[in-house]
Amino acid sequence: QAQLVESGGGLVQAGGSLTLSCAAPRNTFSTNAIAWYRQVPGNRREHVARILTDGRTGYADSVKGRFTISRDNAKTTAYLQMSSLTPEDTAVYYCNTWPTWVHWGQGTPVTVSS
């Protein structure tokens, strides 16, 4: 099964920045769109950002202008650059394929303090 591994989460002050990484198997990375999702306990997972195989991107309205998704084809890794963070961004962040999913990993938690 394809497995994607998230990393880079942590504690950050409001207004700060953080970059998450998503390492993917080469075959998965080259043939699928990659997306970031986040989840707060008790809520559904929500789509945050995606990058298609042709490089086109899409974002949730709540993060437009603050988050940037990118990909490094040589490293088969996708990134989520987050800036101007607020406590409302606190969640566990996951990466997966889009629009359909492979096995979910454990995610990486992001906590924004005020």
PDB file of N, CA and C in Angstrom:
ATOM      1  N   GLN A   1       0.839  -1.187   0.000  1.00  0.00           N
ATOM      2  CA  GLN A   1       0.000   0.000   0.000  1.00  0.00           C
ATOM      3  C   GLN A   1       0.880   1.245   0.000  1.00  0.00           C
ATOM      4  N   ALA A   2       0.417   2.284  -0.685  1.00  0.00           N
ATOM      5  CA  ALA A   2       1.109   3.554  -0.656  1.00  0.00           C
ATOM      6  C   ALA A   2       1.023   4.158   0.738  1.00  0.00           C
ATOM      7  N   GLN A   3       2.121   4.764   1.187  1.00  0.00           N
ATOM      8  CA  GLN A   3       2.142   5.394   2.488  1.00  0.00           C
ATOM      9  C   GLN A   3       2.844   6.739   2.384  1.00  0.00           C
ATOM     10  N   LEU A   4       2.192   7.765   2.897  1.00  0.00           N
ATOM     11  CA  LEU A   4       2.741   9.103   2.943  1.00  0.00           C
ATOM     12  C   LEU A   4       3.061   9.441   4.394  1.00  0.00           C
ATOM     13  N   VAL A   5       4.164  10.137   4.619  1.00  0.00           N
ATOM     14  CA  VAL A   5       4.649  10.416   5.959  1.00  0.00           C
ATOM     15  C   VAL A   5       4.748  11.918   6.155  1.00  0.00           C
ATOM     16  N   GLU A   6       3.989  12.429   7.128  1.00  0.00           N
ATOM     17  CA  GLU A   6       3.988  13.855   7.448  1.00  0.00           C
ATOM     18  C   GLU A   6       5.021  14.163   8.526  1.00  0.00           C
ATOM     19  N   SER A   7       5.561  15.374   8.480  1.00  0.00           N
ATOM     20  CA  SER A   7       6.484  15.822   9.509  1.00  0.00           C
ATOM     21  C   SER A   7       6.503  17.342   9.542  1.00  0.00           C
ATOM     22  N   GLY A   8       7.070  17.898  10.598  1.00  0.00           N
ATOM     23  CA  GLY A   8       7.285  19.328  10.687  1.00  0.00           C
ATOM     24  C   GLY A   8       6.356  20.081  11.605  1.00  0.00           C
ATOM     25  N   GLY A   9       5.373  19.416  12.180  1.00  0.00           N
ATOM     26  CA  GLY A   9       4.458  20.096  13.078  1.00  0.00           C
ATOM     27  C   GLY A   9       5.125  20.480  14.385  1.00  0.00           C
ATOM     28  N   GLY A  10       4.427  21.297  15.160  1.00  0.00           N
ATOM     29  CA  GLY A  10       4.952  21.734  16.434  1.00  0.00           C
ATOM     30  C   GLY A  10       4.144  22.868  17.006  1.00  0.00           C
ATOM     31  N   LEU A  11       4.723  23.531  17.988  1.00  0.00           N
ATOM     32  CA  LEU A  11       4.094  24.658  18.669  1.00  0.00           C
ATOM     33  C   LEU A  11       4.658  25.953  18.113  1.00  0.00           C
ATOM     34  N   VAL A  12       3.776  26.883  17.778  1.00  0.00           N
ATOM     35  CA  VAL A  12       4.195  28.159  17.226  1.00  0.00           C
ATOM     36  C   VAL A  12       3.297  29.259  17.775  1.00  0.00           C
ATOM     37  N   GLN A  13       3.848  30.451  17.944  1.00  0.00           N
ATOM     38  CA  GLN A  13       3.083  31.595  18.417  1.00  0.00           C
ATOM     39  C   GLN A  13       2.206  32.157  17.307  1.00  0.00           C
ATOM     40  N   ALA A  14       1.072  32.726  17.682  1.00  0.00           N
ATOM     41  CA  ALA A  14       0.211  33.392  16.718  1.00  0.00           C
ATOM     42  C   ALA A  14       1.008  34.425  15.929  1.00  0.00           C
ATOM     43  N   GLY A  15       0.757  34.459  14.633  1.00  0.00           N
ATOM     44  CA  GLY A  15       1.497  35.339  13.746  1.00  0.00           C
ATOM     45  C   GLY A  15       2.755  34.721  13.167  1.00  0.00           C
ATOM     46  N   GLY A  16       3.137  33.566  13.664  1.00  0.00           N
ATOM     47  CA  GLY A  16       4.346  32.916  13.216  1.00  0.00           C
ATOM     48  C   GLY A  16       4.154  32.071  11.977  1.00  0.00           C
ATOM     49  N   SER A  17       5.221  31.363  11.603  1.00  0.00           N
ATOM     50  CA  SER A  17       5.237  30.552  10.396  1.00  0.00           C
ATOM     51  C   SER A  17       5.744  29.153  10.700  1.00  0.00           C
ATOM     52  N   LEU A  18       5.345  28.209   9.862  1.00  0.00           N
ATOM     53  CA  LEU A  18       5.759  26.825  10.000  1.00  0.00           C
ATOM     54  C   LEU A  18       5.628  26.154   8.646  1.00  0.00           C
ATOM     55  N   THR A  19       6.523  25.225   8.340  1.00  0.00           N
ATOM     56  CA  THR A  19       6.464  24.481   7.086  1.00  0.00           C
ATOM     57  C   THR A  19       6.368  22.989   7.371  1.00  0.00           C
ATOM     58  N   LEU A  20       5.377  22.340   6.792  1.00  0.00           N
ATOM     59  CA  LEU A  20       5.176  20.907   6.927  1.00  0.00           C
ATOM     60  C   LEU A  20       5.700  20.190   5.686  1.00  0.00           C
ATOM     61  N   SER A  21       6.131  18.946   5.864  1.00  0.00           N
ATOM     62  CA  SER A  21       6.628  18.131   4.763  1.00  0.00           C
ATOM     63  C   SER A  21       5.817  16.849   4.644  1.00  0.00           C
ATOM     64  N   CYS A  22       5.682  16.358   3.424  1.00  0.00           N
ATOM     65  CA  CYS A  22       4.967  15.121   3.131  1.00  0.00           C
ATOM     66  C   CYS A  22       5.806  14.307   2.159  1.00  0.00           C
ATOM     67  N   ALA A  23       6.422  13.238   2.651  1.00  0.00           N
ATOM     68  CA  ALA A  23       7.219  12.351   1.813  1.00  0.00           C
ATOM     69  C   ALA A  23       6.337  11.243   1.261  1.00  0.00           C
ATOM     70  N   ALA A  24       6.404  11.020  -0.036  1.00  0.00           N
ATOM     71  CA  ALA A  24       5.544  10.051  -0.698  1.00  0.00           C
ATOM     72  C   ALA A  24       6.357   9.078  -1.529  1.00  0.00           C
ATOM     73  N   PRO A  25       5.873   7.847  -1.715  1.00  0.00           N
ATOM     74  CA  PRO A  25       6.529   6.935  -2.657  1.00  0.00           C
ATOM     75  C   PRO A  25       6.542   7.529  -4.054  1.00  0.00           C
ATOM     76  N   ARG A  26       7.579   7.224  -4.805  1.00  0.00           N
ATOM     77  CA  ARG A  26       7.753   7.847  -6.108  1.00  0.00           C
ATOM     78  C   ARG A  26       6.573   7.596  -7.036  1.00  0.00           C
ATOM     79  N   ASN A  27       6.074   6.354  -7.075  1.00  0.00           N
ATOM     80  CA  ASN A  27       4.969   6.069  -7.979  1.00  0.00           C
ATOM     81  C   ASN A  27       3.703   6.816  -7.574  1.00  0.00           C
ATOM     82  N   THR A  28       3.475   6.957  -6.283  1.00  0.00           N
ATOM     83  CA  THR A  28       2.328   7.718  -5.804  1.00  0.00           C
ATOM     84  C   THR A  28       2.475   9.190  -6.154  1.00  0.00           C
ATOM     85  N   PHE A  29       3.654   9.729  -5.922  1.00  0.00           N
ATOM     86  CA  PHE A  29       3.895  11.145  -6.140  1.00  0.00           C
ATOM     87  C   PHE A  29       3.751  11.524  -7.609  1.00  0.00           C
ATOM     88  N   SER A  30       4.207  10.668  -8.498  1.00  0.00           N
ATOM     89  CA  SER A  30       4.238  11.006  -9.910  1.00  0.00           C
ATOM     90  C   SER A  30       2.889  10.861 -10.599  1.00  0.00           C
ATOM     91  N   THR A  31       1.966  10.103 -10.026  1.00  0.00           N
ATOM     92  CA  THR A  31       0.703   9.807 -10.689  1.00  0.00           C
ATOM     93  C   THR A  31      -0.519  10.377  -9.991  1.00  0.00           C
ATOM     94  N   ASN A  32      -0.349  11.030  -8.859  1.00  0.00           N
ATOM     95  CA  ASN A  32      -1.488  11.516  -8.086  1.00  0.00           C
ATOM     96  C   ASN A  32      -1.319  12.964  -7.662  1.00  0.00           C
ATOM     97  N   ALA A  33      -2.436  13.653  -7.557  1.00  0.00           N
ATOM     98  CA  ALA A  33      -2.441  14.921  -6.848  1.00  0.00           C
ATOM     99  C   ALA A  33      -2.197  14.658  -5.363  1.00  0.00           C
ATOM    100  N   ILE A  34      -1.540  15.601  -4.704  1.00  0.00           N
ATOM    101  CA  ILE A  34      -1.267  15.515  -3.272  1.00  0.00           C
ATOM    102  C   ILE A  34      -1.986  16.661  -2.579  1.00  0.00           C
ATOM    103  N   ALA A  35      -2.587  16.360  -1.440  1.00  0.00           N
ATOM    104  CA  ALA A  35      -3.337  17.371  -0.713  1.00  0.00           C
ATOM    105  C   ALA A  35      -3.001  17.328   0.766  1.00  0.00           C
ATOM    106  N   TRP A  36      -3.170  18.463   1.405  1.00  0.00           N
ATOM    107  CA  TRP A  36      -3.109  18.574   2.855  1.00  0.00           C
ATOM    108  C   TRP A  36      -4.518  18.703   3.403  1.00  0.00           C
ATOM    109  N   TYR A  37      -4.769  17.995   4.487  1.00  0.00           N
ATOM    110  CA  TYR A  37      -6.028  18.028   5.206  1.00  0.00           C
ATOM    111  C   TYR A  37      -5.728  18.319   6.674  1.00  0.00           C
ATOM    112  N   ARG A  38      -6.724  18.782   7.406  1.00  0.00           N
ATOM    113  CA  ARG A  38      -6.548  18.959   8.841  1.00  0.00           C
ATOM    114  C   ARG A  38      -7.820  18.567   9.570  1.00  0.00           C
ATOM    115  N   GLN A  39      -7.651  18.213  10.842  1.00  0.00           N
ATOM    116  CA  GLN A  39      -8.781  17.761  11.633  1.00  0.00           C
ATOM    117  C   GLN A  39      -8.627  18.197  13.079  1.00  0.00           C
ATOM    118  N   VAL A  40      -9.686  18.775  13.612  1.00  0.00           N
ATOM    119  CA  VAL A  40      -9.816  19.070  15.029  1.00  0.00           C
ATOM    120  C   VAL A  40     -10.679  17.967  15.632  1.00  0.00           C
ATOM    121  N   PRO A  41     -10.338  17.456  16.825  1.00  0.00           N
ATOM    122  CA  PRO A  41     -11.164  16.398  17.429  1.00  0.00           C
ATOM    123  C   PRO A  41     -12.637  16.782  17.469  1.00  0.00           C
ATOM    124  N   GLY A  42     -13.491  15.849  17.040  1.00  0.00           N
ATOM    125  CA  GLY A  42     -14.920  16.089  16.990  1.00  0.00           C
ATOM    126  C   GLY A  42     -15.418  16.635  15.673  1.00  0.00           C
ATOM    127  N   ASN A  43     -14.519  17.070  14.818  1.00  0.00           N
ATOM    128  CA  ASN A  43     -14.883  17.612  13.514  1.00  0.00           C
ATOM    129  C   ASN A  43     -14.456  16.671  12.394  1.00  0.00           C
ATOM    130  N   ARG A  44     -15.019  16.889  11.221  1.00  0.00           N
ATOM    131  CA  ARG A  44     -14.601  16.151  10.037  1.00  0.00           C
ATOM    132  C   ARG A  44     -13.251  16.662   9.557  1.00  0.00           C
ATOM    133  N   ARG A  45     -12.490  15.786   8.902  1.00  0.00           N
ATOM    134  CA  ARG A  45     -11.311  16.263   8.214  1.00  0.00           C
ATOM    135  C   ARG A  45     -11.712  17.254   7.127  1.00  0.00           C
ATOM    136  N   GLU A  46     -10.942  18.308   6.986  1.00  0.00           N
ATOM    137  CA  GLU A  46     -11.218  19.279   5.947  1.00  0.00           C
ATOM    138  C   GLU A  46     -10.019  19.433   5.025  1.00  0.00           C
ATOM    139  N   HIS A  47     -10.316  19.650   3.762  1.00  0.00           N
ATOM    140  CA  HIS A  47      -9.288  19.919   2.776  1.00  0.00           C
ATOM    141  C   HIS A  47      -8.695  21.295   3.011  1.00  0.00           C
ATOM    142  N   VAL A  48      -7.381  21.392   2.981  1.00  0.00           N
ATOM    143  CA  VAL A  48      -6.679  22.651   3.192  1.00  0.00           C
ATOM    144  C   VAL A  48      -6.079  23.172   1.897  1.00  0.00           C
ATOM    145  N   ALA A  49      -5.340  22.322   1.195  1.00  0.00           N
ATOM    146  CA  ALA A  49      -4.663  22.725  -0.033  1.00  0.00           C
ATOM    147  C   ALA A  49      -4.342  21.485  -0.845  1.00  0.00           C
ATOM    148  N   ARG A  50      -4.250  21.657  -2.150  1.00  0.00           N
ATOM    149  CA  ARG A  50      -3.895  20.542  -3.014  1.00  0.00           C
ATOM    150  C   ARG A  50      -3.011  21.032  -4.147  1.00  0.00           C
ATOM    151  N   ILE A  51      -2.211  20.114  -4.687  1.00  0.00           N
ATOM    152  CA  ILE A  51      -1.420  20.400  -5.867  1.00  0.00           C
ATOM    153  C   ILE A  51      -1.558  19.226  -6.819  1.00  0.00           C
ATOM    154  N   LEU A  52      -1.973  19.517  -8.045  1.00  0.00           N
ATOM    155  CA  LEU A  52      -2.218  18.485  -9.039  1.00  0.00           C
ATOM    156  C   LEU A  52      -0.918  18.084  -9.726  1.00  0.00           C
ATOM    157  N   THR A  53      -0.991  17.019 -10.497  1.00  0.00           N
ATOM    158  CA  THR A  53       0.199  16.552 -11.196  1.00  0.00           C
ATOM    159  C   THR A  53       0.699  17.562 -12.218  1.00  0.00           C
ATOM    160  N   ASP A  54      -0.187  18.433 -12.713  1.00  0.00           N
ATOM    161  CA  ASP A  54       0.224  19.467 -13.653  1.00  0.00           C
ATOM    162  C   ASP A  54       0.662  20.752 -12.961  1.00  0.00           C
ATOM    163  N   GLY A  55       0.703  20.760 -11.636  1.00  0.00           N
ATOM    164  CA  GLY A  55       1.165  21.901 -10.881  1.00  0.00           C
ATOM    165  C   GLY A  55       0.096  22.874 -10.443  1.00  0.00           C
ATOM    166  N   ARG A  56      -1.131  22.705 -10.908  1.00  0.00           N
ATOM    167  CA  ARG A  56      -2.208  23.593 -10.483  1.00  0.00           C
ATOM    168  C   ARG A  56      -2.511  23.366  -9.013  1.00  0.00           C
ATOM    169  N   THR A  57      -2.852  24.436  -8.307  1.00  0.00           N
ATOM    170  CA  THR A  57      -3.107  24.374  -6.877  1.00  0.00           C
ATOM    171  C   THR A  57      -4.512  24.852  -6.552  1.00  0.00           C
ATOM    172  N   GLY A  58      -4.991  24.435  -5.397  1.00  0.00           N
ATOM    173  CA  GLY A  58      -6.260  24.897  -4.873  1.00  0.00           C
ATOM    174  C   GLY A  58      -6.180  24.993  -3.370  1.00  0.00           C
ATOM    175  N   TYR A  59      -6.931  25.939  -2.793  1.00  0.00           N
ATOM    176  CA  TYR A  59      -6.869  26.202  -1.361  1.00  0.00           C
ATOM    177  C   TYR A  59      -8.254  26.393  -0.787  1.00  0.00           C
ATOM    178  N   ALA A  60      -8.407  26.000   0.474  1.00  0.00           N
ATOM    179  CA  ALA A  60      -9.584  26.389   1.217  1.00  0.00           C
ATOM    180  C   ALA A  60      -9.579  27.897   1.404  1.00  0.00           C
ATOM    181  N   ASP A  61     -10.765  28.504   1.395  1.00  0.00           N
ATOM    182  CA  ASP A  61     -10.851  29.948   1.516  1.00  0.00           C
ATOM    183  C   ASP A  61     -10.213  30.450   2.809  1.00  0.00           C
ATOM    184  N   SER A  62     -10.280  29.658   3.864  1.00  0.00           N
ATOM    185  CA  SER A  62      -9.771  30.082   5.161  1.00  0.00           C
ATOM    186  C   SER A  62      -8.256  30.245   5.199  1.00  0.00           C
ATOM    187  N   VAL A  63      -7.541  29.662   4.234  1.00  0.00           N
ATOM    188  CA  VAL A  63      -6.086  29.738   4.251  1.00  0.00           C
ATOM    189  C   VAL A  63      -5.510  30.460   3.042  1.00  0.00           C
ATOM    190  N   LYS A  64      -6.343  30.893   2.119  1.00  0.00           N
ATOM    191  CA  LYS A  64      -5.850  31.597   0.933  1.00  0.00           C
ATOM    192  C   LYS A  64      -5.073  32.839   1.342  1.00  0.00           C
ATOM    193  N   GLY A  65      -3.928  33.022   0.727  1.00  0.00           N
ATOM    194  CA  GLY A  65      -3.079  34.160   1.031  1.00  0.00           C
ATOM    195  C   GLY A  65      -2.135  33.933   2.184  1.00  0.00           C
ATOM    196  N   ARG A  66      -2.329  32.860   2.933  1.00  0.00           N
ATOM    197  CA  ARG A  66      -1.469  32.561   4.081  1.00  0.00           C
ATOM    198  C   ARG A  66      -0.675  31.266   3.919  1.00  0.00           C
ATOM    199  N   PHE A  67      -1.254  30.281   3.249  1.00  0.00           N
ATOM    200  CA  PHE A  67      -0.612  28.978   3.070  1.00  0.00           C
ATOM    201  C   PHE A  67      -0.225  28.802   1.610  1.00  0.00           C
ATOM    202  N   THR A  68       0.881  28.101   1.378  1.00  0.00           N
ATOM    203  CA  THR A  68       1.323  27.788   0.028  1.00  0.00           C
ATOM    204  C   THR A  68       1.734  26.324  -0.043  1.00  0.00           C
ATOM    205  N   ILE A  69       1.156  25.587  -0.986  1.00  0.00           N
ATOM    206  CA  ILE A  69       1.538  24.198  -1.210  1.00  0.00           C
ATOM    207  C   ILE A  69       2.511  24.142  -2.384  1.00  0.00           C
ATOM    208  N   SER A  70       3.501  23.268  -2.279  1.00  0.00           N
ATOM    209  CA  SER A  70       4.483  23.116  -3.339  1.00  0.00           C
ATOM    210  C   SER A  70       4.945  21.665  -3.385  1.00  0.00           C
ATOM    211  N   ARG A  71       5.720  21.335  -4.415  1.00  0.00           N
ATOM    212  CA  ARG A  71       6.224  19.973  -4.550  1.00  0.00           C
ATOM    213  C   ARG A  71       7.642  19.993  -5.078  1.00  0.00           C
ATOM    214  N   ASP A  72       8.433  19.012  -4.647  1.00  0.00           N
ATOM    215  CA  ASP A  72       9.791  18.815  -5.123  1.00  0.00           C
ATOM    216  C   ASP A  72       9.820  17.438  -5.767  1.00  0.00           C
ATOM    217  N   ASN A  73       9.853  17.397  -7.084  1.00  0.00           N
ATOM    218  CA  ASN A  73       9.758  16.126  -7.792  1.00  0.00           C
ATOM    219  C   ASN A  73      10.969  15.219  -7.531  1.00  0.00           C
ATOM    220  N   ALA A  74      12.153  15.805  -7.398  1.00  0.00           N
ATOM    221  CA  ALA A  74      13.352  15.011  -7.163  1.00  0.00           C
ATOM    222  C   ALA A  74      13.299  14.306  -5.814  1.00  0.00           C
ATOM    223  N   LYS A  75      12.741  14.981  -4.810  1.00  0.00           N
ATOM    224  CA  LYS A  75      12.646  14.416  -3.470  1.00  0.00           C
ATOM    225  C   LYS A  75      11.325  13.700  -3.223  1.00  0.00           C
ATOM    226  N   THR A  76      10.432  13.716  -4.191  1.00  0.00           N
ATOM    227  CA  THR A  76       9.068  13.169  -4.054  1.00  0.00           C
ATOM    228  C   THR A  76       8.455  13.613  -2.730  1.00  0.00           C
ATOM    229  N   THR A  77       8.527  14.905  -2.483  1.00  0.00           N
ATOM    230  CA  THR A  77       8.032  15.494  -1.248  1.00  0.00           C
ATOM    231  C   THR A  77       7.190  16.720  -1.557  1.00  0.00           C
ATOM    232  N   ALA A  78       6.057  16.832  -0.883  1.00  0.00           N
ATOM    233  CA  ALA A  78       5.223  18.016  -0.951  1.00  0.00           C
ATOM    234  C   ALA A  78       5.352  18.795   0.350  1.00  0.00           C
ATOM    235  N   TYR A  79       5.129  20.100   0.273  1.00  0.00           N
ATOM    236  CA  TYR A  79       5.295  20.977   1.422  1.00  0.00           C
ATOM    237  C   TYR A  79       4.062  21.843   1.599  1.00  0.00           C
ATOM    238  N   LEU A  80       3.852  22.275   2.825  1.00  0.00           N
ATOM    239  CA  LEU A  80       2.836  23.264   3.122  1.00  0.00           C
ATOM    240  C   LEU A  80       3.493  24.368   3.945  1.00  0.00           C
ATOM    241  N   GLN A  81       3.693  25.521   3.322  1.00  0.00           N
ATOM    242  CA  GLN A  81       4.251  26.679   3.996  1.00  0.00           C
ATOM    243  C   GLN A  81       3.102  27.477   4.596  1.00  0.00           C
ATOM    244  N   MET A  82       3.129  27.658   5.903  1.00  0.00           N
ATOM    245  CA  MET A  82       2.070  28.335   6.616  1.00  0.00           C
ATOM    246  C   MET A  82       2.622  29.597   7.259  1.00  0.00           C
ATOM    247  N   SER A  83       1.914  30.702   7.101  1.00  0.00           N
ATOM    248  CA  SER A  83       2.312  31.960   7.705  1.00  0.00           C
ATOM    249  C   SER A  83       1.093  32.639   8.304  1.00  0.00           C
ATOM    250  N   SER A  84       1.346  33.690   9.082  1.00  0.00           N
ATOM    251  CA  SER A  84       0.282  34.431   9.761  1.00  0.00           C
ATOM    252  C   SER A  84      -0.663  33.482  10.483  1.00  0.00           C
ATOM    253  N   LEU A  85      -0.092  32.547  11.202  1.00  0.00           N
ATOM    254  CA  LEU A  85      -0.886  31.512  11.857  1.00  0.00           C
ATOM    255  C   LEU A  85      -1.719  32.093  12.998  1.00  0.00           C
ATOM    256  N   THR A  86      -2.899  31.527  13.176  1.00  0.00           N
ATOM    257  CA  THR A  86      -3.807  31.904  14.249  1.00  0.00           C
ATOM    258  C   THR A  86      -4.190  30.662  15.041  1.00  0.00           C
ATOM    259  N   PRO A  87      -4.732  30.837  16.252  1.00  0.00           N
ATOM    260  CA  PRO A  87      -5.168  29.659  17.015  1.00  0.00           C
ATOM    261  C   PRO A  87      -6.185  28.800  16.273  1.00  0.00           C
ATOM    262  N   GLU A  88      -6.943  29.378  15.343  1.00  0.00           N
ATOM    263  CA  GLU A  88      -7.917  28.610  14.569  1.00  0.00           C
ATOM    264  C   GLU A  88      -7.255  27.621  13.611  1.00  0.00           C
ATOM    265  N   ASP A  89      -5.958  27.760  13.379  1.00  0.00           N
ATOM    266  CA  ASP A  89      -5.223  26.812  12.546  1.00  0.00           C
ATOM    267  C   ASP A  89      -4.768  25.585  13.328  1.00  0.00           C
ATOM    268  N   THR A  90      -4.968  25.574  14.629  1.00  0.00           N
ATOM    269  CA  THR A  90      -4.570  24.435  15.455  1.00  0.00           C
ATOM    270  C   THR A  90      -5.348  23.188  15.037  1.00  0.00           C
ATOM    271  N   ALA A  91      -4.634  22.112  14.709  1.00  0.00           N
ATOM    272  CA  ALA A  91      -5.247  20.871  14.240  1.00  0.00           C
ATOM    273  C   ALA A  91      -4.148  19.848  14.022  1.00  0.00           C
ATOM    274  N   VAL A  92      -4.553  18.614  13.749  1.00  0.00           N
ATOM    275  CA  VAL A  92      -3.636  17.611  13.241  1.00  0.00           C
ATOM    276  C   VAL A  92      -3.683  17.684  11.720  1.00  0.00           C
ATOM    277  N   TYR A  93      -2.545  17.839  11.098  1.00  0.00           N
ATOM    278  CA  TYR A  93      -2.449  17.978   9.653  1.00  0.00           C
ATOM    279  C   TYR A  93      -2.022  16.666   9.023  1.00  0.00           C
ATOM    280  N   TYR A  94      -2.716  16.268   7.970  1.00  0.00           N
ATOM    281  CA  TYR A  94      -2.454  15.033   7.250  1.00  0.00           C
ATOM    282  C   TYR A  94      -2.199  15.345   5.780  1.00  0.00           C
ATOM    283  N   CYS A  95      -1.421  14.507   5.126  1.00  0.00           N
ATOM    284  CA  CYS A  95      -1.348  14.565   3.678  1.00  0.00           C
ATOM    285  C   CYS A  95      -1.865  13.258   3.102  1.00  0.00           C
ATOM    286  N   ASN A  96      -2.375  13.341   1.883  1.00  0.00           N
ATOM    287  CA  ASN A  96      -2.903  12.178   1.208  1.00  0.00           C
ATOM    288  C   ASN A  96      -3.069  12.523  -0.265  1.00  0.00           C
ATOM    289  N   THR A  97      -3.497  11.547  -1.035  1.00  0.00           N
ATOM    290  CA  THR A  97      -3.817  11.810  -2.431  1.00  0.00           C
ATOM    291  C   THR A  97      -5.155  12.541  -2.524  1.00  0.00           C
ATOM    292  N   TRP A  98      -5.448  13.065  -3.691  1.00  0.00           N
ATOM    293  CA  TRP A  98      -6.680  13.812  -3.936  1.00  0.00           C
ATOM    294  C   TRP A  98      -7.153  13.528  -5.341  1.00  0.00           C
ATOM    295  N   PRO A  99      -8.445  13.383  -5.574  1.00  0.00           N
ATOM    296  CA  PRO A  99      -9.559  13.510  -4.635  1.00  0.00           C
ATOM    297  C   PRO A  99      -9.906  12.245  -3.856  1.00  0.00           C
ATOM    298  N   THR A 100      -9.329  11.107  -4.228  1.00  0.00           N
ATOM    299  CA  THR A 100      -9.529   9.876  -3.464  1.00  0.00           C
ATOM    300  C   THR A 100      -8.267   9.577  -2.672  1.00  0.00           C
ATOM    301  N   TRP A 101      -8.418   8.790  -1.618  1.00  0.00           N
ATOM    302  CA  TRP A 101      -7.367   8.635  -0.627  1.00  0.00           C
ATOM    303  C   TRP A 101      -6.776   7.235  -0.602  1.00  0.00           C
ATOM    304  N   VAL A 102      -5.522   7.171  -0.162  1.00  0.00           N
ATOM    305  CA  VAL A 102      -4.905   5.915   0.238  1.00  0.00           C
ATOM    306  C   VAL A 102      -4.924   5.877   1.763  1.00  0.00           C
ATOM    307  N   HIS A 103      -4.160   4.965   2.367  1.00  0.00           N
ATOM    308  CA  HIS A 103      -4.202   4.788   3.812  1.00  0.00           C
ATOM    309  C   HIS A 103      -3.763   6.057   4.538  1.00  0.00           C
ATOM    310  N   TRP A 104      -4.561   6.461   5.528  1.00  0.00           N
ATOM    311  CA  TRP A 104      -4.221   7.628   6.335  1.00  0.00           C
ATOM    312  C   TRP A 104      -3.101   7.317   7.315  1.00  0.00           C
ATOM    313  N   GLY A 105      -2.167   8.243   7.450  1.00  0.00           N
ATOM    314  CA  GLY A 105      -1.125   8.136   8.456  1.00  0.00           C
ATOM    315  C   GLY A 105      -1.547   8.769   9.761  1.00  0.00           C
ATOM    316  N   GLN A 106      -0.571   9.000  10.634  1.00  0.00           N
ATOM    317  CA  GLN A 106      -0.868   9.559  11.948  1.00  0.00           C
ATOM    318  C   GLN A 106      -0.995  11.076  11.938  1.00  0.00           C
ATOM    319  N   GLY A 107      -0.533  11.716  10.897  1.00  0.00           N
ATOM    320  CA  GLY A 107      -0.574  13.161  10.824  1.00  0.00           C
ATOM    321  C   GLY A 107       0.507  13.804  11.674  1.00  0.00           C
ATOM    322  N   THR A 108       0.580  15.128  11.591  1.00  0.00           N
ATOM    323  CA  THR A 108       1.519  15.877  12.406  1.00  0.00           C
ATOM    324  C   THR A 108       0.765  17.034  13.065  1.00  0.00           C
ATOM    325  N   PRO A 109       0.822  17.152  14.383  1.00  0.00           N
ATOM    326  CA  PRO A 109       0.026  18.168  15.067  1.00  0.00           C
ATOM    327  C   PRO A 109       0.663  19.555  14.996  1.00  0.00           C
ATOM    328  N   VAL A 110      -0.196  20.548  14.799  1.00  0.00           N
ATOM    329  CA  VAL A 110       0.202  21.948  14.811  1.00  0.00           C
ATOM    330  C   VAL A 110      -0.615  22.649  15.877  1.00  0.00           C
ATOM    331  N   THR A 111       0.061  23.314  16.797  1.00  0.00           N
ATOM    332  CA  THR A 111      -0.603  24.072  17.847  1.00  0.00           C
ATOM    333  C   THR A 111      -0.145  25.517  17.770  1.00  0.00           C
ATOM    334  N   VAL A 112      -1.100  26.426  17.635  1.00  0.00           N
ATOM    335  CA  VAL A 112      -0.816  27.856  17.560  1.00  0.00           C
ATOM    336  C   VAL A 112      -1.295  28.492  18.851  1.00  0.00           C
ATOM    337  N   SER A 113      -0.391  29.080  19.592  1.00  0.00           N
ATOM    338  CA  SER A 113      -0.712  29.688  20.875  1.00  0.00           C
ATOM    339  C   SER A 113      -0.878  31.189  20.729  1.00  0.00           C
ATOM    340  N   SER A 114      -1.691  31.772  21.605  1.00  0.00           N
ATOM    341  CA  SER A 114      -1.915  33.210  21.623  1.00  0.00           C
ATOM    342  C   SER A 114      -1.459  33.827  22.930  1.00  0.00           C
TER     343      SER A 114
END
